[in-house]
Each structure stands twice: as structure tokens, then as C-alpha cells.
Amino acid sequence: MKTKKFAFAALLLALIGTEVAVAQQQQYAMFTGNRQQVTLMTGGAGWNCEYRYGAQTFWRAFSLSQGCPSSVPI
């Protein structure tokens, strides 16, 4: 019986450790400094912000009040 409890506890700790490792591997794209003021689909004003991840760039829209975050998770 103790062996089953130990095995279960070891498995639980291994799963928790895996989740922590995956969370720490989150990748982020960095803001390039390029932005354009745009009209959002909601009709409000916003920013179209350019981000770089490795050799690739992409644009992401944010509300005018939020601005362009320095990094975004990908």
C-alpha cells in the first residue's frame, strides 16, 4: 500500500514539475518601436504595433489607452 502511495506522489510531483517547466518556456516577441494609429473593428481608435520574434515580424492591434506593450507572448 505504501508503494502505491509513493508512486502516486512521485507521479504527481513529476506532472507538477512538467507544468512549471512548460510555463517557464513561454516565448515572447519584442516591440520594434513601429506603430500606426488605426480604427479598430469596434470603431474605437487603437494602435497597430509591430513585433519581432527571431527573423519574423508581425503586427498586433491594441486599444489606444493600452498602447503597445514592450513584449507579447506568442
Protein backbone atom coordinates (compact mmCIF):
# COMPACT_ATOMS: atom_id res chain seq x y z
CA MET A 1 0.00 0.00 0.00
CA LYS A 2 2.86 2.40 0.82
CA THR A 3 4.40 1.68 -2.57
CA LYS A 4 1.23 2.76 -4.38
CA LYS A 5 1.05 5.99 -2.35
CA PHE A 6 4.72 6.70 -3.05
CA ALA A 7 4.28 6.02 -6.77
CA PHE A 8 1.24 8.30 -6.90
CA ALA A 9 3.08 11.07 -5.06
CA ALA A 10 6.10 10.73 -7.37
CA LEU A 11 3.85 10.89 -10.44
CA LEU A 12 2.05 13.95 -9.09
CA LEU A 13 5.34 15.75 -8.43
CA ALA A 14 6.60 14.86 -11.91
CA LEU A 15 3.44 16.28 -13.50
CA ILE A 16 3.69 19.49 -11.47
CA GLY A 17 7.35 19.84 -12.45
CA THR A 18 6.45 19.39 -16.12
CA GLU A 19 3.78 22.10 -15.94
CA VAL A 20 6.25 24.52 -14.32
CA ALA A 21 8.88 23.77 -16.98
CA VAL A 22 6.37 24.37 -19.78
CA ALA A 23 5.26 27.66 -18.21
CA GLN A 24 8.90 28.82 -17.98
CA GLN A 25 9.41 28.12 -21.70
CA GLN A 26 6.89 30.77 -22.77
CA GLN A 27 8.32 32.73 -25.69
CA TYR A 28 7.90 36.47 -26.21
CA ALA A 29 8.12 38.77 -29.22
CA MET A 30 9.63 42.20 -28.69
CA PHE A 31 8.11 45.53 -29.79
CA THR A 32 10.12 47.06 -32.66
CA GLY A 33 9.01 50.62 -31.99
CA ASN A 34 6.93 50.80 -35.17
CA ARG A 35 3.26 51.63 -34.67
CA GLN A 36 0.38 53.05 -36.63
CA GLN A 37 -2.82 54.58 -35.34
CA VAL A 38 -5.80 52.61 -36.67
CA THR A 39 -9.55 52.29 -36.27
CA LEU A 40 -10.41 49.03 -34.53
CA MET A 41 -13.25 46.74 -35.56
CA THR A 42 -15.24 48.13 -32.63
CA GLY A 43 -15.00 51.60 -34.16
CA GLY A 44 -12.64 52.92 -31.49
CA ALA A 45 -9.12 54.22 -32.03
CA GLY A 46 -6.17 51.92 -31.47
CA TRP A 47 -2.58 51.12 -32.29
CA ASN A 48 -1.27 48.58 -34.75
CA CYS A 49 2.08 47.57 -33.17
CA GLU A 50 4.91 45.71 -34.88
CA TYR A 51 6.68 42.86 -33.02
CA ARG A 52 9.73 40.78 -33.85
CA TYR A 53 10.32 37.16 -32.94
CA GLY A 54 13.58 35.86 -34.37
CA ALA A 55 13.69 36.87 -38.03
CA GLN A 56 9.91 37.30 -38.33
CA THR A 57 7.86 40.41 -37.73
CA PHE A 58 4.11 40.70 -37.26
CA TRP A 59 1.54 43.31 -36.29
CA ARG A 60 -0.92 43.16 -33.42
CA ALA A 61 -3.67 45.68 -32.62
CA PHE A 62 -4.28 47.20 -29.17
CA SER A 63 -6.63 49.84 -27.83
CA LEU A 64 -5.40 53.42 -27.80
CA SER A 65 -5.41 53.52 -23.98
CA GLN A 66 -3.46 50.25 -23.72
CA GLY A 67 -0.71 51.30 -26.13
CA CYS A 68 1.97 48.94 -27.43
CA PRO A 69 3.32 46.56 -24.76
CA SER A 70 7.11 46.09 -24.86
CA SER A 71 6.62 42.34 -25.38
CA VAL A 72 3.80 39.91 -26.16
CA PRO A 73 3.60 36.15 -25.57
CA ILE A 74 3.47 34.01 -28.69
